[in-house]
Amino acid sequence: MTLTRPTPGVADSGGRVGAGRAVVVLVLVALGGLIPLLGPSTALHGTGEAAAPGAGGIALLRTVLFAALCVPVGELFVNRLARSVPGAEGAVGQPLDAPRSWSPCAAGVGFVAALGLASVVATGNLVPGGLADMDVGGLHASRDGKLALLEVNSFLVAGLCAVSRRPATQVWPLAAVVVAEALRAHPPTEQSPLTGSGLTLVHLICAALWVGGLLHALRTLRLWHGRYDTGAGAALLGLYARVAAVLLAAITATGVWSSLRRMPPGTILEQLTATAYGRALLAKVLLVAAVAALALWARSRLRRATDPLSACAPARAEVVALGLVVAVSGVLTALPVPIRW
């Protein structure tokens, strides 16, 4: 593997490109935030269903929480894959460089989002108008309150683990967040809640690995570009692509099963257009289909192109599409569950 030293002109050009990319990212994040904010009211329009108080804000908080979960899970996943890359030792016998971790920031953002959601639970699932409206002590008395507190504390512990000497230990508090989300999504009053929680658990784990893993893989490839031989980057992307194919299959299977549990086959076509939940689910399905197409395109380039790293172009588009999927998933959690006709 070889190291290169950029010339001053190249460095200046790289700085301008980096600033341009930062602006693009900020614009995409701002636009993505509009989906959970405006999504519930748009999906509910004309359905006759009642919206929960503050549905847009809750959808935004849930979207932020999902994103904050994906980032550290993806980092742990790809860093482990990177250690399996052939020739994973640098020119001086050191492990290949890794991008600066975003896990501490993600844990902080997730903590704030979880705290916001806990304040809603503490107000009786209403938007709090002030501190006096919240019964913080009452959170311990309800199932939803305990799960909300578990998520708040888990993100706090994950942040502490991320800045410790053993950042890999954050996998345990992150797992607690996933379990809490799976249990929250399926209250005991629904039919077969443990089955629903199990499906959601697998769905969330696979989605976090896919979304966060691709984001961190692209960050790693950008860091390695010009520092190491292109074979290392292609090998890492190939390892991720093989696992991603399995993740996509698991996400599809659990997603279809979960949808059929809430919308029986005889009514699913009608509910996809007549209910807010169905409309949001249809949007998510279309986005996942687009993501799958981009993933196939990237994998085709990785196998057949002269430069395997040209697969990064469709992979970047895939990351953007996955961000939209996360936003629509946040909207789904704020919409009323369809009635089983």
Foldseek 3Di string as FASTA:
>chain_A
DAADDDDPVVVVVVVVVVVVVVVVVVVLVVVLLVCLQCQQVVLAPPLPDDFQAPLSVQLSLQLLLLVLLLQVLQVLLLVVLLVVQVVQADPVRHGDDFDDGPNLVSLVSNLVSLVLVLQCVQQVVHRDPDPVSGDLVCLVVDLLSVLSVLSNVLSVVLNVCCPDPHNVVNVVSSLSNLLSVLDVLFDPPDDPSVVSSVLSSLLSSLLSNLLNNLVRLLVRLVVCVNGDDLSSSLRSVVVSLVVNVVSLVSNVVSVVVNLCSLEPPVCLVVCLRSGSLNVLVVVLVVLSVVLVVLSVVLVVLSPDPPRNVVSVVSSVVSSSSSSSSSSSVSSNSRGDRDDHD
